[in-house]
């Protein structure tokens, strides 16, 4: 007989792990469902956003660009980071003092946009606030990596000067040539959060390759932060003999705090929905891992991870709407 009794592919006993087809089917159904809702609303109500009025509102008064001015102000902290590295390289300040100043510069970098957004006299919108905070967060992560890598190089130089390996004058000069505004801004514009002393470059710009890399970053939007957290947070904690579970917990708490920072401050509401739900997901994960095994437990964990943050974000915007619905006009952009 060509038929035989076997376990279902969805059971934990089947040892089947390739659910790519089911995932693609879910994505297709999700897109088709939202496309149906979009077309139905467009047929009934039309396109409600008047782009001409939005553009006219933005260009009629220079003060309607506070988010742009706020983003441009970040250059002050970038230049300060470069000066700190140069001062440490030339020996004007000690590594310990330099580290304190670097941490202070990063803290002010993250606190300055929040203070501007929360100030009552600021007319910045929610969309502009979120854009500004995203840019400042990316710059802060890049600056941390920039300081870390230069610190690693200087520590290696001190070890070499102690007799392990003699550094040539050419290598020293090449490192000093890297401490320039051109090199720093190239890193700021590069699609990565991790700094290195010498990025590989081509003589010409390959537009097709660049477009493919940008599309890959869109599809894998969390990959840069994952690499950054692994390089600058998780591995250093492991090197300090911290248990892997505790190191993972610290990385997860940091990501939860960043998500709360990016959503709560633009909305001027501190409900801790995102941070609380993401922390709750940790307890749910341990609970499911203890009482459920196999594909069922794995599926329930991923379901909680995927649904938790979106629900928290929707809760924030629901509260924001309830607080502002009585106003004659309110906008998010």
Protein backbone atom coordinates (compact mmCIF):
# COMPACT_ATOMS: atom_id res chain seq x y z
CA UNK A 1 0.00 0.00 0.00
CA UNK A 2 1.18 3.52 -0.80
CA UNK A 3 -0.38 4.94 2.36
CA UNK A 4 1.00 4.64 5.84
CA UNK A 5 0.17 6.02 9.27
CA UNK A 6 2.33 8.98 10.28
CA UNK A 7 2.18 11.96 12.60
CA UNK A 8 0.71 15.26 11.43
CA UNK A 9 3.24 17.82 10.19
CA UNK A 10 1.90 20.29 12.78
CA UNK A 11 2.49 17.92 15.70
CA UNK A 12 5.60 18.09 17.85
CA UNK A 13 6.37 14.41 17.14
CA UNK A 14 6.76 14.90 13.38
CA UNK A 15 10.13 16.71 13.72
CA UNK A 16 9.08 18.96 10.86
CA UNK A 17 10.58 22.44 11.17
CA UNK A 18 10.36 24.03 7.71
CA UNK A 19 7.24 26.21 7.90
CA UNK A 20 8.34 28.64 5.19
CA UNK A 21 5.34 27.81 3.01
CA UNK A 22 2.87 28.40 5.83
CA UNK A 23 4.59 31.69 6.64
CA UNK A 24 4.41 32.83 3.00
CA UNK A 25 0.73 31.90 2.91
CA UNK A 26 0.08 33.99 6.06
CA UNK A 27 1.88 36.97 4.52
CA UNK A 28 -0.14 36.69 1.30
CA UNK A 29 -3.41 36.51 3.24
CA UNK A 30 -2.38 39.49 5.37
CA UNK A 31 -1.54 41.59 2.29
CA UNK A 32 -4.75 40.62 0.48
CA UNK A 33 -6.86 41.41 3.54
CA UNK A 34 -5.35 44.87 3.99
CA UNK A 35 -5.52 45.53 0.24
CA UNK A 36 -9.26 44.75 0.35
CA UNK A 37 -9.77 47.17 3.25
CA UNK A 38 -7.70 49.86 1.52
CA UNK A 39 -9.67 49.58 -1.72
CA UNK A 40 -13.00 49.55 0.12
CA UNK A 41 -12.13 52.70 2.08
CA UNK A 42 -10.75 54.40 -1.04
CA UNK A 43 -13.93 53.68 -3.00
CA UNK A 44 -16.17 54.95 -0.20
CA UNK A 45 -14.20 57.98 1.02
CA UNK A 46 -11.53 58.68 -1.57
CA UNK A 47 -8.01 59.93 -0.80
CA UNK A 48 -8.51 62.09 2.30
CA UNK A 49 -4.96 63.47 2.60
CA UNK A 50 -4.43 66.66 0.60
CA UNK A 51 -0.70 66.62 -0.16
CA UNK A 52 -0.76 70.17 -1.50
CA UNK A 53 -2.06 71.54 1.79
CA UNK A 54 0.51 69.53 3.74
CA UNK A 55 3.38 70.85 1.61
CA UNK A 56 1.98 74.39 1.77
CA UNK A 57 1.75 74.14 5.56
CA UNK A 58 5.38 73.06 5.76
CA UNK A 59 6.88 75.72 3.48
CA UNK A 60 4.80 78.76 4.44
CA UNK A 61 6.70 79.32 7.72
CA UNK A 62 10.27 78.40 8.56
CA UNK A 63 9.28 77.57 12.13
CA UNK A 64 7.25 74.65 10.78
CA UNK A 65 10.54 72.79 10.34
CA UNK A 66 11.55 72.27 14.00
CA UNK A 67 12.36 68.59 13.46
CA UNK A 68 14.84 69.50 10.70
CA UNK A 69 16.54 72.05 12.93
CA UNK A 70 16.60 69.54 15.76
CA UNK A 71 18.28 66.93 13.54
CA UNK A 72 20.83 69.48 12.31
CA UNK A 73 21.69 70.29 15.93
CA UNK A 74 22.96 66.72 16.34
CA UNK A 75 26.12 67.76 14.45
CA UNK A 76 27.30 69.53 17.61
CA UNK A 77 27.50 66.19 19.46
CA UNK A 78 29.14 64.49 16.47
CA UNK A 79 31.92 67.09 16.36
CA UNK A 80 32.31 66.80 20.14
CA UNK A 81 32.80 63.04 19.80
CA UNK A 82 35.53 63.56 17.21
CA UNK A 83 37.31 66.13 19.39
CA UNK A 84 37.27 63.75 22.37
CA UNK A 85 38.92 61.05 20.29
CA UNK A 86 41.58 63.43 19.01
CA UNK A 87 42.34 64.73 22.51
CA UNK A 88 42.78 61.19 23.79
CA UNK A 89 44.98 60.28 20.82
CA UNK A 90 47.25 63.27 21.45
CA UNK A 91 47.33 62.66 25.19
CA UNK A 92 45.57 65.88 26.20
CA UNK A 93 43.18 63.92 28.42
CA UNK A 94 43.49 60.52 30.06
CA UNK A 95 41.45 57.53 28.88
CA UNK A 96 39.44 57.59 32.09
CA UNK A 97 38.52 61.27 31.74
CA UNK A 98 37.83 60.72 28.06
CA UNK A 99 35.46 57.86 28.84
CA UNK A 100 33.54 60.01 31.33
CA UNK A 101 33.23 62.82 28.78
CA UNK A 102 32.13 60.35 26.09
CA UNK A 103 29.39 58.95 28.31
CA UNK A 104 28.29 62.48 29.19
CA UNK A 105 28.17 63.45 25.52
CA UNK A 106 26.02 60.39 24.73
CA UNK A 107 23.65 61.09 27.62
CA UNK A 108 23.17 64.69 26.53
CA UNK A 109 22.75 63.47 22.95
CA UNK A 110 19.80 61.30 24.02
CA UNK A 111 18.35 63.79 26.50
CA UNK A 112 18.53 66.95 24.39
CA UNK A 113 15.89 65.99 21.76
CA UNK A 114 13.59 64.65 24.48
CA UNK A 115 13.81 67.95 26.38
CA UNK A 116 13.11 69.96 23.21
CA UNK A 117 10.12 67.78 22.25
CA UNK A 118 8.60 67.88 25.74
CA UNK A 119 9.01 71.65 26.08
CA UNK A 120 5.63 73.39 25.99
CA UNK A 121 6.68 76.10 23.53
CA UNK A 122 7.86 73.60 20.90
CA UNK A 123 5.47 73.20 17.96
CA UNK A 124 7.01 69.97 16.68
CA UNK A 125 4.48 67.34 15.60
CA UNK A 126 4.34 63.69 16.61
CA UNK A 127 5.71 62.50 13.26
CA UNK A 128 8.56 65.01 13.38
CA UNK A 129 9.31 64.03 16.97
CA UNK A 130 9.52 60.33 16.09
CA UNK A 131 11.76 61.07 13.10
CA UNK A 132 14.08 63.22 15.22
CA UNK A 133 14.32 60.65 18.00
CA UNK A 134 15.04 57.86 15.50
CA UNK A 135 17.87 59.90 13.98
CA UNK A 136 19.30 60.79 17.40
CA UNK A 137 19.07 57.15 18.55
CA UNK A 138 20.91 55.94 15.45
CA UNK A 139 23.59 58.59 15.92
CA UNK A 140 23.97 57.63 19.59
CA UNK A 141 24.45 53.95 18.72
CA UNK A 142 26.96 54.86 16.03
CA UNK A 143 28.86 57.19 18.36
CA UNK A 144 29.05 54.48 21.03
CA UNK A 145 30.53 52.10 18.45
CA UNK A 146 32.90 54.85 17.25
CA UNK A 147 34.23 55.44 20.77
CA UNK A 148 34.43 51.71 21.51
CA UNK A 149 36.47 50.82 18.42
CA UNK A 150 38.90 53.71 18.91
CA UNK A 151 39.28 52.70 22.55
CA UNK A 152 40.08 49.12 21.48
CA UNK A 153 42.75 50.44 19.12
CA UNK A 154 44.36 52.64 21.76
CA UNK A 155 44.38 49.77 24.27
CA UNK A 156 46.05 47.60 21.67
CA UNK A 157 48.59 50.34 21.03
CA UNK A 158 49.42 50.55 24.74
CA UNK A 159 49.88 46.77 24.83
CA UNK A 160 52.14 46.95 21.77
CA UNK A 161 54.24 49.70 23.35
CA UNK A 162 54.70 47.44 26.38
CA UNK A 163 56.66 45.00 24.21
CA UNK A 164 54.12 42.60 22.68
CA UNK A 165 54.41 44.02 19.17
CA UNK A 166 56.01 47.18 17.86
CA UNK A 167 53.72 49.42 15.89
CA UNK A 168 55.16 51.04 12.77
CA UNK A 169 55.00 54.76 12.14
CA UNK A 170 52.94 54.11 9.01
CA UNK A 171 50.27 52.25 10.98
CA UNK A 172 50.21 55.06 13.52
CA UNK A 173 49.85 57.68 10.80
CA UNK A 174 47.08 55.68 9.10
CA UNK A 175 45.12 55.61 12.36
CA UNK A 176 45.55 59.35 12.87
CA UNK A 177 44.32 59.93 9.32
CA UNK A 178 41.08 58.14 10.26
CA UNK A 179 40.23 60.74 12.92
CA UNK A 180 38.68 63.21 10.49
CA UNK A 181 35.22 64.63 9.89
CA UNK A 182 35.16 62.99 6.47
CA UNK A 183 35.71 59.53 7.90
CA UNK A 184 33.22 60.10 10.72
CA UNK A 185 30.43 61.38 8.46
CA UNK A 186 31.07 58.55 6.02
CA UNK A 187 30.36 56.17 8.90
CA UNK A 188 27.25 58.14 9.89
CA UNK A 189 25.86 57.78 6.36
CA UNK A 190 26.90 54.14 5.98
CA UNK A 191 24.09 51.55 6.42
CA UNK A 192 25.62 50.06 9.56
CA UNK A 193 25.76 50.78 13.29
CA UNK A 194 29.19 49.18 13.79
CA UNK A 195 32.29 51.27 13.18
CA UNK A 196 35.58 50.03 11.82
CA UNK A 197 38.79 51.89 11.16
CA UNK A 198 38.85 51.29 7.43
CA UNK A 199 35.67 50.57 5.49
CA UNK A 200 36.16 48.74 2.17
CA UNK A 201 35.42 51.09 -0.72
CA UNK A 202 35.23 50.88 -4.51
CA UNK A 203 36.36 53.50 -7.00
CA UNK A 204 32.86 53.64 -8.49
CA UNK A 205 29.39 53.45 -6.94
CA UNK A 206 27.57 50.25 -7.91
CA UNK A 207 23.97 51.48 -7.96
CA UNK A 208 22.38 48.04 -8.42
CA UNK A 209 24.39 46.57 -5.54
CA UNK A 210 23.55 49.60 -3.36
CA UNK A 211 19.85 49.25 -4.15
CA UNK A 212 19.92 45.54 -3.30
CA UNK A 213 21.66 46.27 0.00
CA UNK A 214 19.07 48.91 0.89
CA UNK A 215 16.24 46.49 0.07
CA UNK A 216 17.96 43.84 2.20
CA UNK A 217 18.15 46.31 5.10
CA UNK A 218 14.43 47.04 4.74
CA UNK A 219 13.56 43.34 4.87
CA UNK A 220 16.01 42.78 7.74
CA UNK A 221 15.45 46.06 9.57
CA UNK A 222 16.55 44.73 12.96
CA UNK A 223 19.81 43.17 11.71
CA UNK A 224 21.98 46.30 12.29
CA UNK A 225 20.86 46.63 15.92
CA UNK A 226 21.31 42.89 16.45
CA UNK A 227 24.92 43.11 15.22
CA UNK A 228 25.54 46.24 17.31
CA UNK A 229 24.14 44.72 20.50
CA UNK A 230 26.11 41.51 19.94
CA UNK A 231 29.39 43.36 19.34
CA UNK A 232 29.19 46.19 21.86
CA UNK A 233 26.91 44.86 24.60
CA UNK A 234 26.45 41.09 24.69
CA UNK A 235 30.05 40.00 24.02
CA UNK A 236 31.63 42.52 26.45
CA UNK A 237 29.24 41.29 29.15
CA UNK A 238 30.20 37.68 28.41
CA UNK A 239 33.90 38.63 28.58
CA UNK A 240 33.22 40.00 32.06
CA UNK A 241 32.01 36.48 32.98
CA UNK A 242 28.35 37.42 33.14
CA UNK A 243 26.06 34.41 32.55
CA UNK A 244 24.64 34.34 28.99
CA UNK A 245 21.05 34.45 30.24
CA UNK A 246 21.72 37.63 32.22
CA UNK A 247 23.53 39.20 29.25
CA UNK A 248 20.58 38.40 26.99
CA UNK A 249 18.22 39.90 29.57
CA UNK A 250 20.21 43.15 29.68
CA UNK A 251 20.16 43.41 25.87
CA UNK A 252 16.41 42.78 25.82
CA UNK A 253 15.72 45.35 28.55
CA UNK A 254 17.79 47.91 26.65
CA UNK A 255 15.82 47.30 23.45
CA UNK A 256 12.56 47.61 25.41
CA UNK A 257 13.68 50.93 26.91
CA UNK A 258 14.63 52.24 23.45
CA UNK A 259 11.20 51.33 22.04
CA UNK A 260 9.52 53.10 24.95
CA UNK A 261 11.76 56.14 24.39
CA UNK A 262 10.86 56.35 20.69
CA UNK A 263 7.09 56.11 21.22
CA UNK A 264 6.30 57.65 24.62
CA UNK A 265 8.19 60.94 24.24
CA UNK A 266 6.67 62.00 20.87
CA UNK A 267 3.18 61.27 22.23
CA UNK A 268 3.92 63.08 25.54
CA UNK A 269 2.62 60.07 27.44
CA UNK A 270 4.57 57.84 29.81
CA UNK A 271 2.39 54.78 30.29
CA UNK A 272 5.21 52.19 30.01
CA UNK A 273 2.97 50.03 27.82
CA UNK A 274 5.75 48.94 25.46
CA UNK A 275 8.39 48.45 28.14
CA UNK A 276 5.96 46.57 30.39
CA UNK A 277 4.69 44.26 27.66
CA UNK A 278 8.20 43.44 26.45
CA UNK A 279 9.30 42.66 30.00
CA UNK A 280 6.14 40.57 30.45
CA UNK A 281 7.13 38.64 27.33
CA UNK A 282 10.24 37.43 29.14
CA UNK A 283 8.14 35.88 31.92
CA UNK A 284 5.74 34.41 29.35
CA UNK A 285 8.69 32.90 27.48
CA UNK A 286 10.01 31.20 30.62
CA UNK A 287 6.49 29.98 31.49
CA UNK A 288 5.87 28.54 28.03
CA UNK A 289 9.33 27.01 27.91
CA UNK A 290 8.64 25.26 31.22
CA UNK A 291 5.15 23.94 30.51
CA UNK A 292 5.17 23.59 26.70
CA UNK A 293 7.73 21.80 24.55
CA UNK A 294 8.23 21.21 20.85
CA UNK A 295 6.58 23.16 18.07
CA UNK A 296 3.59 24.19 20.19
CA UNK A 297 5.70 26.06 22.73
CA UNK A 298 7.88 27.61 20.02
CA UNK A 299 4.82 28.78 18.11
CA UNK A 300 3.22 30.32 21.20
CA UNK A 301 6.45 32.14 22.10
CA UNK A 302 6.73 33.65 18.61
CA UNK A 303 3.05 34.57 18.69
CA UNK A 304 3.55 36.52 21.91
CA UNK A 305 6.72 38.18 20.59
CA UNK A 306 5.01 39.27 17.36
CA UNK A 307 1.74 40.48 18.88
CA UNK A 308 3.03 42.14 22.07
CA UNK A 309 4.80 45.30 20.77
CA UNK A 310 2.18 46.14 18.08
CA UNK A 311 -0.60 45.90 20.67
CA UNK A 312 1.35 48.21 22.99
CA UNK A 313 1.89 50.76 20.19
CA UNK A 314 -1.81 50.66 19.28
CA UNK A 315 -2.64 51.19 22.95
CA UNK A 316 -0.47 54.32 23.00
CA UNK A 317 -2.11 55.76 19.88
CA UNK A 318 -5.56 54.89 21.24
CA UNK A 319 -4.79 56.86 24.40
CA UNK A 320 -3.37 59.71 22.32
CA UNK A 321 -6.57 59.85 20.25
CA UNK A 322 -8.77 59.80 23.34
CA UNK A 323 -6.80 62.69 24.84
CA UNK A 324 -6.95 64.86 21.70
CA UNK A 325 -10.25 63.95 20.06
CA UNK A 326 -12.06 66.93 21.62
CA UNK A 327 -9.72 69.42 19.98
CA UNK A 328 -10.92 71.20 16.84
CA UNK A 329 -7.96 69.90 14.83
CA UNK A 330 -5.04 67.65 15.64
CA UNK A 331 -2.47 66.02 13.41
CA UNK A 332 0.14 63.33 13.64
CA UNK A 333 2.35 64.40 10.74
